[in-house]
Amino acid sequence: MTVKRFPEGLKVGVTGKPTCFWGAGDREYQAYHDDEWGRPVDNDIRLFEKLCLEGFQAGLSWLTILRKRENFRKAFKGFDFKKVARFGEKDVERLLRDAGIIRHRGKIEATINNAQRAVEMVKEEGSIAAFIWRYEPDLKSRPKKLTKKALMKLTQAPESAALSKELKKRGWCFVGPTTMYALMQDMGIVNDHIDGCHVRDVVERERKKFKRPV
């Protein structure tokens, strides 16, 4: 029996298809990789959720966050930032007792702070989506062929550094350049599926059809 070998950086996923190496070993990861990562998003609540969860992920595995995501949604009112912005100290103490989420005071308080900043951003910019999509990198600056080696070097970009700097200037927390690049990957500002991955071309078609928010 011949075992099919895929190029470096691709593995046989649970679907039997060539999948980015990081998304192939777990069904929950595979579903996230196939159906969510890299798909363009313009919904403010979904973007706020992604931004907050990227902050909670710092120092942890993304799979840990995925497995707790429904608990996070319940704890933070579905990541409706208008509701989260009204959280007070009692809510912080409640969340610190919630074993279903990451009980880190700094990250919890940052989420509440960022919700307040999100409310301000919508008033000033029209939407969170319109603001963040302004930082989409020029395709000319992207690798012509995305291999595992190239992907591992893409921990941040000039645009993610600029986004991080501006958000910090506006008072946001846990929004470093690396975290913001991870957000860009997640929300489809960039397509970092490795060449040959079975969803790379699907994601790229979605990105081409996607109407950038203004």
Protein backbone atom coordinates (compact mmCIF):
# COMPACT_ATOMS: atom_id res chain seq x y z
CA MET A 1 0.00 0.00 0.00
CA THR A 2 1.42 3.37 -1.02
CA VAL A 3 1.19 6.16 1.54
CA LYS A 4 0.64 9.51 -0.13
CA ARG A 5 3.14 12.14 0.94
CA PHE A 6 2.31 15.81 0.95
CA PRO A 7 4.83 18.67 0.67
CA GLU A 8 6.46 19.94 3.86
CA GLY A 9 4.03 21.80 6.06
CA LEU A 10 1.01 19.80 4.96
CA LYS A 11 -0.46 16.80 6.75
CA VAL A 12 -3.35 14.46 6.20
CA GLY A 13 -6.19 15.97 8.19
CA VAL A 14 -9.04 14.05 9.79
CA THR A 15 -10.90 14.66 6.52
CA GLY A 16 -8.14 12.87 4.61
CA LYS A 17 -7.25 16.06 2.73
CA PRO A 18 -3.96 18.01 2.71
CA THR A 19 -4.14 20.42 5.63
CA CYS A 20 -1.81 23.00 7.19
CA PHE A 21 0.37 21.14 9.70
CA TRP A 22 -1.12 22.89 12.73
CA GLY A 23 -4.74 22.06 11.92
CA ALA A 24 -4.51 18.37 11.16
CA GLY A 25 -4.25 16.58 14.48
CA ASP A 26 -7.52 17.35 16.23
CA ARG A 27 -11.14 17.47 15.02
CA GLU A 28 -11.82 20.80 16.72
CA TYR A 29 -8.66 22.29 15.24
CA GLN A 30 -9.53 20.84 11.82
CA ALA A 31 -13.00 22.43 11.88
CA TYR A 32 -11.52 25.79 12.91
CA HIS A 33 -8.84 25.50 10.20
CA ASP A 34 -11.30 24.47 7.47
CA ASP A 35 -14.29 26.68 8.23
CA GLU A 36 -13.03 29.76 10.05
CA TRP A 37 -9.31 30.59 9.94
CA GLY A 38 -8.60 33.01 7.13
CA ARG A 39 -12.24 33.55 6.15
CA PRO A 40 -12.88 37.32 5.87
CA VAL A 41 -14.92 38.83 8.70
CA ASP A 42 -16.57 42.24 8.95
CA ASN A 43 -18.95 41.75 11.89
CA ASP A 44 -17.88 43.91 14.82
CA ILE A 45 -18.95 41.51 17.57
CA ARG A 46 -17.15 38.61 15.91
CA LEU A 47 -14.07 40.75 15.47
CA PHE A 48 -14.17 41.87 19.09
CA GLU A 49 -14.43 38.22 20.16
CA LYS A 50 -11.46 37.26 18.01
CA LEU A 51 -9.38 40.15 19.30
CA CYS A 52 -10.15 39.29 22.93
CA LEU A 53 -9.50 35.59 22.51
CA GLU A 54 -6.18 36.28 20.81
CA GLY A 55 -5.28 38.27 23.93
CA PHE A 56 -6.35 35.44 26.23
CA GLN A 57 -4.31 33.02 24.14
CA ALA A 58 -0.99 34.75 24.91
CA GLY A 59 1.27 32.15 26.49
CA LEU A 60 -1.21 29.33 25.86
CA SER A 61 -2.17 27.04 22.98
CA TRP A 62 -4.96 28.13 20.65
CA LEU A 63 -6.59 24.73 21.11
CA THR A 64 -7.03 25.54 24.81
CA ILE A 65 -8.90 28.70 23.83
CA LEU A 66 -11.03 26.89 21.24
CA ARG A 67 -12.13 24.33 23.80
CA LYS A 68 -13.17 27.08 26.19
CA ARG A 69 -14.69 29.41 23.58
CA GLU A 70 -18.34 28.69 24.42
CA ASN A 71 -17.56 29.31 28.09
CA PHE A 72 -15.93 32.62 27.15
CA ARG A 73 -18.98 33.61 25.13
CA LYS A 74 -21.28 32.87 28.03
CA ALA A 75 -19.05 34.70 30.53
CA PHE A 76 -18.66 37.79 28.33
CA LYS A 77 -22.26 38.16 27.10
CA GLY A 78 -21.52 36.82 23.64
CA PHE A 79 -18.72 39.40 23.36
CA ASP A 80 -21.28 42.16 22.86
CA PHE A 81 -18.81 44.93 23.64
CA LYS A 82 -21.56 47.39 24.59
CA LYS A 83 -22.57 45.03 27.41
CA VAL A 84 -19.01 44.12 28.40
CA ALA A 85 -18.11 47.81 28.59
CA ARG A 86 -20.50 48.12 31.55
CA PHE A 87 -18.79 45.36 33.56
CA GLY A 88 -17.50 46.42 36.97
CA GLU A 89 -15.42 44.98 39.79
CA LYS A 90 -18.15 42.50 40.76
CA ASP A 91 -18.01 41.11 37.25
CA VAL A 92 -14.21 40.84 37.44
CA GLU A 93 -14.51 38.84 40.68
CA ARG A 94 -17.23 36.66 39.11
CA LEU A 95 -15.03 35.92 36.13
CA LEU A 96 -12.04 35.12 38.33
CA ARG A 97 -14.16 32.37 39.91
CA ASP A 98 -15.25 30.97 36.53
CA ALA A 99 -13.26 27.77 35.94
CA GLY A 100 -14.58 27.60 32.38
CA ILE A 101 -12.39 30.47 31.15
CA ILE A 102 -8.80 31.63 31.63
CA ARG A 103 -8.81 33.18 35.10
CA HIS A 104 -6.20 35.86 34.56
CA ARG A 105 -7.07 39.20 36.14
CA GLY A 106 -4.99 41.24 33.70
CA LYS A 107 -6.60 39.65 30.65
CA ILE A 108 -10.10 39.92 32.10
CA GLU A 109 -9.64 43.59 32.95
CA ALA A 110 -8.10 44.17 29.50
CA THR A 111 -11.21 42.68 27.87
CA ILE A 112 -13.45 45.09 29.77
CA ASN A 113 -11.16 48.01 28.96
CA ASN A 114 -11.08 47.01 25.29
CA ALA A 115 -14.87 46.81 25.21
CA GLN A 116 -14.99 50.43 26.37
CA ARG A 117 -12.44 51.37 23.71
CA ALA A 118 -14.50 49.46 21.12
CA VAL A 119 -17.57 51.54 21.94
CA GLU A 120 -15.45 54.67 21.42
CA MET A 121 -14.08 53.33 18.14
CA VAL A 122 -17.52 52.68 16.69
CA LYS A 123 -18.51 56.26 17.52
CA GLU A 124 -15.33 57.67 15.99
CA GLU A 125 -14.72 55.35 13.03
CA GLY A 126 -18.14 53.89 12.21
CA SER A 127 -17.13 50.31 12.95
CA ILE A 128 -14.29 48.19 14.30
CA ALA A 129 -14.18 46.34 11.00
CA ALA A 130 -13.69 49.50 8.93
CA PHE A 131 -10.81 50.51 11.18
CA ILE A 132 -8.96 47.18 11.23
CA TRP A 133 -9.36 46.42 7.50
CA ARG A 134 -7.44 49.62 6.72
CA TYR A 135 -4.33 47.70 7.76
CA GLU A 136 -4.63 45.01 5.10
CA PRO A 137 -1.12 44.38 3.68
CA ASP A 138 -0.38 44.97 0.03
CA LEU A 139 -0.32 41.61 -1.75
CA LYS A 140 3.01 42.62 -3.33
CA SER A 141 4.60 42.47 0.13
CA ARG A 142 3.42 38.90 0.73
CA PRO A 143 5.43 35.73 -0.04
CA LYS A 144 4.77 34.50 -3.58
CA LYS A 145 4.64 30.94 -2.29
CA LEU A 146 3.65 30.22 1.28
CA THR A 147 5.58 27.27 2.65
CA LYS A 148 5.83 26.11 6.27
CA LYS A 149 9.21 27.83 6.52
CA ALA A 150 7.77 31.11 5.21
CA LEU A 151 4.73 30.85 7.49
CA MET A 152 6.87 30.34 10.60
CA LYS A 153 8.61 33.63 9.85
CA LEU A 154 5.30 35.49 9.59
CA THR A 155 4.83 36.26 13.27
CA GLN A 156 4.07 39.88 12.47
CA ALA A 157 4.11 42.41 9.64
CA PRO A 158 4.63 46.17 9.31
CA GLU A 159 0.83 46.52 9.15
CA SER A 160 0.26 44.52 12.33
CA ALA A 161 2.90 46.62 14.08
CA ALA A 162 1.17 49.80 12.88
CA LEU A 163 -2.23 48.49 14.00
CA SER A 164 -0.82 47.56 17.39
CA LYS A 165 0.74 50.99 17.81
CA GLU A 166 -2.48 52.81 16.95
CA LEU A 167 -4.64 50.62 19.21
CA LYS A 168 -2.26 51.14 22.13
CA LYS A 169 -2.38 54.87 21.46
CA ARG A 170 -6.16 54.65 21.77
CA GLY A 171 -5.88 52.81 25.10
CA TRP A 172 -6.34 49.17 24.05
CA CYS A 173 -4.50 46.40 25.97
CA PHE A 174 -3.02 43.01 24.99
CA VAL A 175 -2.74 44.14 21.37
CA GLY A 176 0.94 43.60 20.62
CA PRO A 177 2.17 43.23 17.00
CA THR A 178 2.30 39.43 17.17
CA THR A 179 -1.19 39.22 18.63
CA MET A 180 -2.48 41.58 15.95
CA TYR A 181 -0.91 39.51 13.20
CA ALA A 182 -2.62 36.42 14.62
CA LEU A 183 -5.87 38.41 14.48
CA MET A 184 -5.20 39.30 10.84
CA GLN A 185 -4.69 35.61 10.03
CA ASP A 186 -7.84 34.61 11.88
CA MET A 187 -10.13 37.26 10.35
CA GLY A 188 -8.89 36.88 6.79
CA ILE A 189 -6.96 40.09 6.31
CA VAL A 190 -4.22 37.73 5.14
CA ASN A 191 -4.50 34.20 3.75
CA ASP A 192 -1.80 32.20 5.51
CA HIS A 193 -2.94 28.73 4.53
CA ILE A 194 0.10 26.95 3.14
CA ASP A 195 0.28 26.36 -0.62
CA GLY A 196 -1.38 23.04 -1.36
CA CYS A 197 -3.72 23.19 1.64
CA HIS A 198 -7.19 22.10 0.52
CA VAL A 199 -8.83 25.34 1.69
CA ARG A 200 -6.25 27.89 0.57
CA ASP A 201 -7.86 28.53 -2.83
CA VAL A 202 -11.35 28.55 -1.28
CA VAL A 203 -10.27 31.21 1.19
CA GLU A 204 -8.63 33.24 -1.56
CA ARG A 205 -11.81 33.22 -3.62
CA GLU A 206 -13.77 34.41 -0.59
CA ARG A 207 -11.27 37.20 -0.02
CA LYS A 208 -11.58 38.35 -3.64
CA LYS A 209 -15.38 38.49 -3.39
CA PHE A 210 -15.34 40.13 0.03
CA LYS A 211 -16.40 43.78 0.12
CA ARG A 212 -13.99 45.64 2.39
CA PRO A 213 -15.84 47.72 5.00
CA VAL A 214 -15.41 51.49 4.83
